């Protein structure tokens, strides 16, 4: 499922502390092994970059991955 793939990508990018910074996200999106996943998700890199801003609801340069929960009904 695409949502879970994206959630997994955010969690991996955040690392052990569970906090994803903008720099970590940009570094992850620059990684060659991520390109196939973005293609699978039909998600252009530019849009993926913007997703950080959408999820950064408090306008800090970081997102807590524990808030990125998806529950399939």
PDB file of N, CA and C in Angstrom:
ATOM      1  N   UNK A   1       0.846  -1.172   0.000  1.00  0.00           N
ATOM      2  CA  UNK A   1       0.000   0.000   0.000  1.00  0.00           C
ATOM      3  C   UNK A   1       0.896   1.241   0.000  1.00  0.00           C
ATOM      4  N   UNK A   2       0.564   2.197  -0.820  1.00  0.00           N
ATOM      5  CA  UNK A   2       1.410   3.374  -1.001  1.00  0.00           C
ATOM      6  C   UNK A   2       1.567   4.218   0.257  1.00  0.00           C
ATOM      7  N   UNK A   3       0.516   4.343   1.025  1.00  0.00           N
ATOM      8  CA  UNK A   3       0.593   5.159   2.239  1.00  0.00           C
ATOM      9  C   UNK A   3       1.592   4.542   3.212  1.00  0.00           C
ATOM     10  N   UNK A   4       1.564   3.232   3.343  1.00  0.00           N
ATOM     11  CA  UNK A   4       2.495   2.570   4.254  1.00  0.00           C
ATOM     12  C   UNK A   4       3.924   2.661   3.746  1.00  0.00           C
ATOM     13  N   UNK A   5       4.125   2.584   2.422  1.00  0.00           N
ATOM     14  CA  UNK A   5       5.463   2.768   1.852  1.00  0.00           C
ATOM     15  C   UNK A   5       5.998   4.155   2.180  1.00  0.00           C
ATOM     16  N   UNK A   6       5.163   5.152   2.063  1.00  0.00           N
ATOM     17  CA  UNK A   6       5.568   6.523   2.358  1.00  0.00           C
ATOM     18  C   UNK A   6       5.840   6.696   3.854  1.00  0.00           C
ATOM     19  N   UNK A   7       4.998   6.113   4.678  1.00  0.00           N
ATOM     20  CA  UNK A   7       5.201   6.178   6.124  1.00  0.00           C
ATOM     21  C   UNK A   7       6.530   5.519   6.494  1.00  0.00           C
ATOM     22  N   UNK A   8       6.820   4.367   5.904  1.00  0.00           N
ATOM     23  CA  UNK A   8       8.078   3.672   6.157  1.00  0.00           C
ATOM     24  C   UNK A   8       9.266   4.526   5.736  1.00  0.00           C
ATOM     25  N   UNK A   9       9.144   5.197   4.616  1.00  0.00           N
ATOM     26  CA  UNK A   9      10.211   6.072   4.138  1.00  0.00           C
ATOM     27  C   UNK A   9      10.487   7.199   5.135  1.00  0.00           C
ATOM     28  N   UNK A  10       9.446   7.815   5.652  1.00  0.00           N
ATOM     29  CA  UNK A  10       9.614   8.885   6.641  1.00  0.00           C
ATOM     30  C   UNK A  10      10.277   8.347   7.903  1.00  0.00           C
ATOM     31  N   UNK A  11       9.864   7.181   8.359  1.00  0.00           N
ATOM     32  CA  UNK A  11      10.427   6.607   9.584  1.00  0.00           C
ATOM     33  C   UNK A  11      11.901   6.258   9.390  1.00  0.00           C
ATOM     34  N   UNK A  12      12.240   5.662   8.248  1.00  0.00           N
ATOM     35  CA  UNK A  12      13.644   5.342   7.961  1.00  0.00           C
ATOM     36  C   UNK A  12      14.488   6.612   7.893  1.00  0.00           C
ATOM     37  N   UNK A  13      13.969   7.628   7.267  1.00  0.00           N
ATOM     38  CA  UNK A  13      14.707   8.887   7.125  1.00  0.00           C
ATOM     39  C   UNK A  13      14.953   9.541   8.479  1.00  0.00           C
ATOM     40  N   UNK A  14      14.019   9.370   9.404  1.00  0.00           N
ATOM     41  CA  UNK A  14      14.134   9.995  10.721  1.00  0.00           C
ATOM     42  C   UNK A  14      15.231   9.367  11.569  1.00  0.00           C
ATOM     43  N   UNK A  15      15.472   8.099  11.383  1.00  0.00           N
ATOM     44  CA  UNK A  15      16.494   7.435  12.187  1.00  0.00           C
ATOM     45  C   UNK A  15      15.983   7.058  13.561  1.00  0.00           C
ATOM     46  N   UNK A  16      16.924   6.755  14.433  1.00  0.00           N
ATOM     47  CA  UNK A  16      16.586   6.223  15.751  1.00  0.00           C
ATOM     48  C   UNK A  16      15.853   7.201  16.664  1.00  0.00           C
ATOM     49  N   UNK A  17      16.087   8.484  16.492  1.00  0.00           N
ATOM     50  CA  UNK A  17      15.449   9.444  17.404  1.00  0.00           C
ATOM     51  C   UNK A  17      13.980   9.699  17.075  1.00  0.00           C
ATOM     52  N   UNK A  18      13.521   9.238  15.913  1.00  0.00           N
ATOM     53  CA  UNK A  18      12.113   9.396  15.553  1.00  0.00           C
ATOM     54  C   UNK A  18      11.716  10.802  15.164  1.00  0.00           C
ATOM     55  N   UNK A  19      12.712  11.663  14.988  1.00  0.00           N
ATOM     56  CA  UNK A  19      12.443  13.038  14.575  1.00  0.00           C
ATOM     57  C   UNK A  19      13.075  13.257  13.210  1.00  0.00           C
ATOM     58  N   UNK A  20      12.271  13.647  12.271  1.00  0.00           N
ATOM     59  CA  UNK A  20      12.732  13.863  10.908  1.00  0.00           C
ATOM     60  C   UNK A  20      12.969  15.349  10.688  1.00  0.00           C
ATOM     61  N   UNK A  21      14.214  15.686  10.417  1.00  0.00           N
ATOM     62  CA  UNK A  21      14.518  17.080  10.110  1.00  0.00           C
ATOM     63  C   UNK A  21      14.418  17.295   8.609  1.00  0.00           C
ATOM     64  N   UNK A  22      14.307  18.527   8.223  1.00  0.00           N
ATOM     65  CA  UNK A  22      14.244  18.861   6.800  1.00  0.00           C
ATOM     66  C   UNK A  22      15.516  18.376   6.096  1.00  0.00           C
ATOM     67  N   UNK A  23      16.662  18.544   6.752  1.00  0.00           N
ATOM     68  CA  UNK A  23      17.935  18.112   6.160  1.00  0.00           C
ATOM     69  C   UNK A  23      17.961  16.600   5.964  1.00  0.00           C
ATOM     70  N   UNK A  24      17.478  15.849   6.940  1.00  0.00           N
ATOM     71  CA  UNK A  24      17.423  14.388   6.810  1.00  0.00           C
ATOM     72  C   UNK A  24      16.514  13.987   5.649  1.00  0.00           C
ATOM     73  N   UNK A  25      15.394  14.669   5.519  1.00  0.00           N
ATOM     74  CA  UNK A  25      14.447  14.366   4.453  1.00  0.00           C
ATOM     75  C   UNK A  25      15.075  14.648   3.083  1.00  0.00           C
ATOM     76  N   UNK A  26      15.725  15.790   2.948  1.00  0.00           N
ATOM     77  CA  UNK A  26      16.364  16.126   1.676  1.00  0.00           C
ATOM     78  C   UNK A  26      17.487  15.147   1.351  1.00  0.00           C
ATOM     79  N   UNK A  27      18.252  14.754   2.358  1.00  0.00           N
ATOM     80  CA  UNK A  27      19.325  13.785   2.149  1.00  0.00           C
ATOM     81  C   UNK A  27      18.746  12.441   1.699  1.00  0.00           C
ATOM     82  N   UNK A  28      17.663  12.013   2.325  1.00  0.00           N
ATOM     83  CA  UNK A  28      17.020  10.755   1.952  1.00  0.00           C
ATOM     84  C   UNK A  28      16.525  10.810   0.514  1.00  0.00           C
ATOM     85  N   UNK A  29      15.895  11.910   0.146  1.00  0.00           N
ATOM     86  CA  UNK A  29      15.356  12.027  -1.210  1.00  0.00           C
ATOM     87  C   UNK A  29      16.446  12.113  -2.264  1.00  0.00           C
ATOM     88  N   UNK A  30      17.664  12.452  -1.859  1.00  0.00           N
ATOM     89  CA  UNK A  30      18.791  12.513  -2.789  1.00  0.00           C
ATOM     90  C   UNK A  30      19.472  11.160  -2.961  1.00  0.00           C
ATOM     91  N   UNK A  31      19.100  10.207  -2.157  1.00  0.00           N
ATOM     92  CA  UNK A  31      19.714   8.882  -2.190  1.00  0.00           C
ATOM     93  C   UNK A  31      19.257   8.112  -3.431  1.00  0.00           C
ATOM     94  N   UNK A  32      20.203   7.515  -4.179  1.00  0.00           N
ATOM     95  CA  UNK A  32      19.846   6.782  -5.407  1.00  0.00           C
ATOM     96  C   UNK A  32      18.864   5.628  -5.186  1.00  0.00           C
ATOM     97  N   UNK A  33      18.918   4.985  -4.017  1.00  0.00           N
ATOM     98  CA  UNK A  33      18.008   3.856  -3.803  1.00  0.00           C
ATOM     99  C   UNK A  33      16.567   4.295  -3.541  1.00  0.00           C
ATOM    100  N   UNK A  34      16.347   5.570  -3.299  1.00  0.00           N
ATOM    101  CA  UNK A  34      14.992   6.076  -3.043  1.00  0.00           C
ATOM    102  C   UNK A  34      14.242   6.357  -4.344  1.00  0.00           C
ATOM    103  N   UNK A  35      14.954   6.648  -5.397  1.00  0.00           N
ATOM    104  CA  UNK A  35      14.326   6.979  -6.679  1.00  0.00           C
ATOM    105  C   UNK A  35      13.315   5.921  -7.140  1.00  0.00           C
ATOM    106  N   UNK A  36      13.637   4.622  -7.081  1.00  0.00           N
ATOM    107  CA  UNK A  36      12.636   3.619  -7.487  1.00  0.00           C
ATOM    108  C   UNK A  36      11.378   3.641  -6.618  1.00  0.00           C
ATOM    109  N   UNK A  37      11.562   3.911  -5.331  1.00  0.00           N
ATOM    110  CA  UNK A  37      10.394   3.974  -4.450  1.00  0.00           C
ATOM    111  C   UNK A  37       9.510   5.160  -4.806  1.00  0.00           C
ATOM    112  N   UNK A  38      10.125   6.307  -5.074  1.00  0.00           N
ATOM    113  CA  UNK A  38       9.338   7.481  -5.477  1.00  0.00           C
ATOM    114  C   UNK A  38       8.598   7.205  -6.775  1.00  0.00           C
ATOM    115  N   UNK A  39       9.252   6.497  -7.692  1.00  0.00           N
ATOM    116  CA  UNK A  39       8.602   6.127  -8.953  1.00  0.00           C
ATOM    117  C   UNK A  39       7.424   5.199  -8.679  1.00  0.00           C
ATOM    118  N   UNK A  40       7.628   4.212  -7.806  1.00  0.00           N
ATOM    119  CA  UNK A  40       6.558   3.283  -7.430  1.00  0.00           C
ATOM    120  C   UNK A  40       5.369   4.035  -6.823  1.00  0.00           C
ATOM    121  N   UNK A  41       5.679   5.051  -6.041  1.00  0.00           N
ATOM    122  CA  UNK A  41       4.628   5.847  -5.400  1.00  0.00           C
ATOM    123  C   UNK A  41       4.022   6.881  -6.344  1.00  0.00           C
ATOM    124  N   UNK A  42       4.599   6.982  -7.554  1.00  0.00           N
ATOM    125  CA  UNK A  42       4.182   7.999  -8.518  1.00  0.00           C
ATOM    126  C   UNK A  42       4.269   9.381  -7.888  1.00  0.00           C
ATOM    127  N   UNK A  43       5.403   9.609  -7.235  1.00  0.00           N
ATOM    128  CA  UNK A  43       5.624  10.820  -6.458  1.00  0.00           C
ATOM    129  C   UNK A  43       6.882  11.531  -6.945  1.00  0.00           C
ATOM    130  N   UNK A  44       6.727  12.615  -7.689  1.00  0.00           N
ATOM    131  CA  UNK A  44       7.907  13.364  -8.114  1.00  0.00           C
ATOM    132  C   UNK A  44       8.684  13.874  -6.904  1.00  0.00           C
ATOM    133  N   UNK A  45      10.000  13.948  -7.030  1.00  0.00           N
ATOM    134  CA  UNK A  45      10.861  14.388  -5.930  1.00  0.00           C
ATOM    135  C   UNK A  45      10.428  15.760  -5.406  1.00  0.00           C
ATOM    136  N   UNK A  46      10.042  16.659  -6.289  1.00  0.00           N
ATOM    137  CA  UNK A  46       9.629  18.005  -5.874  1.00  0.00           C
ATOM    138  C   UNK A  46       8.410  17.951  -4.957  1.00  0.00           C
ATOM    139  N   UNK A  47       7.484  17.059  -5.272  1.00  0.00           N
ATOM    140  CA  UNK A  47       6.286  16.915  -4.442  1.00  0.00           C
ATOM    141  C   UNK A  47       6.653  16.266  -3.107  1.00  0.00           C
ATOM    142  N   UNK A  48       7.560  15.302  -3.153  1.00  0.00           N
ATOM    143  CA  UNK A  48       8.012  14.652  -1.926  1.00  0.00           C
ATOM    144  C   UNK A  48       8.657  15.672  -0.987  1.00  0.00           C
ATOM    145  N   UNK A  49       9.406  16.600  -1.544  1.00  0.00           N
ATOM    146  CA  UNK A  49      10.010  17.660  -0.725  1.00  0.00           C
ATOM    147  C   UNK A  49       8.915  18.497  -0.068  1.00  0.00           C
ATOM    148  N   UNK A  50       7.889  18.816  -0.811  1.00  0.00           N
ATOM    149  CA  UNK A  50       6.783  19.621  -0.279  1.00  0.00           C
ATOM    150  C   UNK A  50       6.005  18.885   0.811  1.00  0.00           C
ATOM    151  N   UNK A  51       6.012  17.558   0.778  1.00  0.00           N
ATOM    152  CA  UNK A  51       5.308  16.792   1.806  1.00  0.00           C
ATOM    153  C   UNK A  51       5.839  17.113   3.201  1.00  0.00           C
ATOM    154  N   UNK A  52       7.130  17.368   3.288  1.00  0.00           N
ATOM    155  CA  UNK A  52       7.690  17.733   4.595  1.00  0.00           C
ATOM    156  C   UNK A  52       6.992  18.975   5.133  1.00  0.00           C
ATOM    157  N   UNK A  53       6.804  19.969   4.282  1.00  0.00           N
ATOM    158  CA  UNK A  53       6.161  21.213   4.718  1.00  0.00           C
ATOM    159  C   UNK A  53       4.712  20.985   5.121  1.00  0.00           C
ATOM    160  N   UNK A  54       4.044  20.077   4.434  1.00  0.00           N
ATOM    161  CA  UNK A  54       2.657  19.763   4.772  1.00  0.00           C
ATOM    162  C   UNK A  54       2.583  19.094   6.142  1.00  0.00           C
ATOM    163  N   UNK A  55       3.525  18.198   6.407  1.00  0.00           N
ATOM    164  CA  UNK A  55       3.507  17.465   7.667  1.00  0.00           C
ATOM    165  C   UNK A  55       4.095  18.252   8.832  1.00  0.00           C
ATOM    166  N   UNK A  56       4.841  19.278   8.530  1.00  0.00           N
ATOM    167  CA  UNK A  56       5.451  20.119   9.563  1.00  0.00           C
ATOM    168  C   UNK A  56       4.429  21.158  10.024  1.00  0.00           C
ATOM    169  N   UNK A  57       3.451  20.693  10.761  1.00  0.00           N
ATOM    170  CA  UNK A  57       2.305  21.533  11.121  1.00  0.00           C
ATOM    171  C   UNK A  57       2.631  22.675  12.068  1.00  0.00           C
ATOM    172  N   UNK A  58       3.716  22.538  12.829  1.00  0.00           N
ATOM    173  CA  UNK A  58       4.048  23.604  13.769  1.00  0.00           C
ATOM    174  C   UNK A  58       5.152  24.531  13.254  1.00  0.00           C
ATOM    175  N   UNK A  59       5.500  24.385  11.977  1.00  0.00           N
ATOM    176  CA  UNK A  59       6.470  25.267  11.295  1.00  0.00           C
ATOM    177  C   UNK A  59       7.861  25.239  11.920  1.00  0.00           C
ATOM    178  N   UNK A  60       8.210  24.132  12.550  1.00  0.00           N
ATOM    179  CA  UNK A  60       9.583  23.917  12.996  1.00  0.00           C
ATOM    180  C   UNK A  60      10.289  23.142  11.892  1.00  0.00           C
ATOM    181  N   UNK A  61      11.594  23.088  11.897  1.00  0.00           N
ATOM    182  CA  UNK A  61      12.263  22.347  10.827  1.00  0.00           C
ATOM    183  C   UNK A  61      12.325  20.841  11.090  1.00  0.00           C
ATOM    184  N   UNK A  62      11.296  20.296  11.764  1.00  0.00           N
ATOM    185  CA  UNK A  62      11.300  18.864  12.045  1.00  0.00           C
ATOM    186  C   UNK A  62       9.888  18.327  12.203  1.00  0.00           C
ATOM    187  N   UNK A  63       9.767  17.012  11.967  1.00  0.00           N
ATOM    188  CA  UNK A  63       8.491  16.311  12.142  1.00  0.00           C
ATOM    189  C   UNK A  63       8.742  15.101  13.021  1.00  0.00           C
ATOM    190  N   UNK A  64       7.856  14.848  13.939  1.00  0.00           N
ATOM    191  CA  UNK A  64       7.969  13.654  14.783  1.00  0.00           C
ATOM    192  C   UNK A  64       7.244  12.510  14.085  1.00  0.00           C
ATOM    193  N   UNK A  65       7.961  11.418  13.864  1.00  0.00           N
ATOM    194  CA  UNK A  65       7.372  10.317  13.113  1.00  0.00           C
ATOM    195  C   UNK A  65       6.294   9.579  13.896  1.00  0.00           C
ATOM    196  N   UNK A  66       6.267   9.715  15.212  1.00  0.00           N
ATOM    197  CA  UNK A  66       5.200   9.049  15.959  1.00  0.00           C
ATOM    198  C   UNK A  66       3.836   9.686  15.659  1.00  0.00           C
ATOM    199  N   UNK A  67       3.840  10.842  15.045  1.00  0.00           N
ATOM    200  CA  UNK A  67       2.579  11.487  14.652  1.00  0.00           C
ATOM    201  C   UNK A  67       2.113  11.041  13.273  1.00  0.00           C
ATOM    202  N   UNK A  68       2.962  10.303  12.557  1.00  0.00           N
ATOM    203  CA  UNK A  68       2.655   9.871  11.195  1.00  0.00           C
ATOM    204  C   UNK A  68       2.070   8.472  11.208  1.00  0.00           C
ATOM    205  N   UNK A  69       0.932   8.332  11.796  1.00  0.00           N
ATOM    206  CA  UNK A  69       0.301   7.018  11.898  1.00  0.00           C
ATOM    207  C   UNK A  69      -0.839   6.912  10.908  1.00  0.00           C
ATOM    208  N   UNK A  70      -0.871   5.755  10.250  1.00  0.00           N
ATOM    209  CA  UNK A  70      -1.942   5.493   9.298  1.00  0.00           C
ATOM    210  C   UNK A  70      -2.655   4.239   9.762  1.00  0.00           C
ATOM    211  N   UNK A  71      -3.942   4.334   9.897  1.00  0.00           N
ATOM    212  CA  UNK A  71      -4.739   3.164  10.270  1.00  0.00           C
ATOM    213  C   UNK A  71      -5.760   2.919   9.179  1.00  0.00           C
ATOM    214  N   UNK A  72      -5.682   1.737   8.624  1.00  0.00           N
ATOM    215  CA  UNK A  72      -6.596   1.357   7.556  1.00  0.00           C
ATOM    216  C   UNK A  72      -7.913   0.889   8.163  1.00  0.00           C
ATOM    217  N   UNK A  73      -8.977   1.506   7.739  1.00  0.00           N
ATOM    218  CA  UNK A  73     -10.303   1.163   8.298  1.00  0.00           C
ATOM    219  C   UNK A  73     -10.872  -0.078   7.650  1.00  0.00           C
TER     220      UNK A  73
END
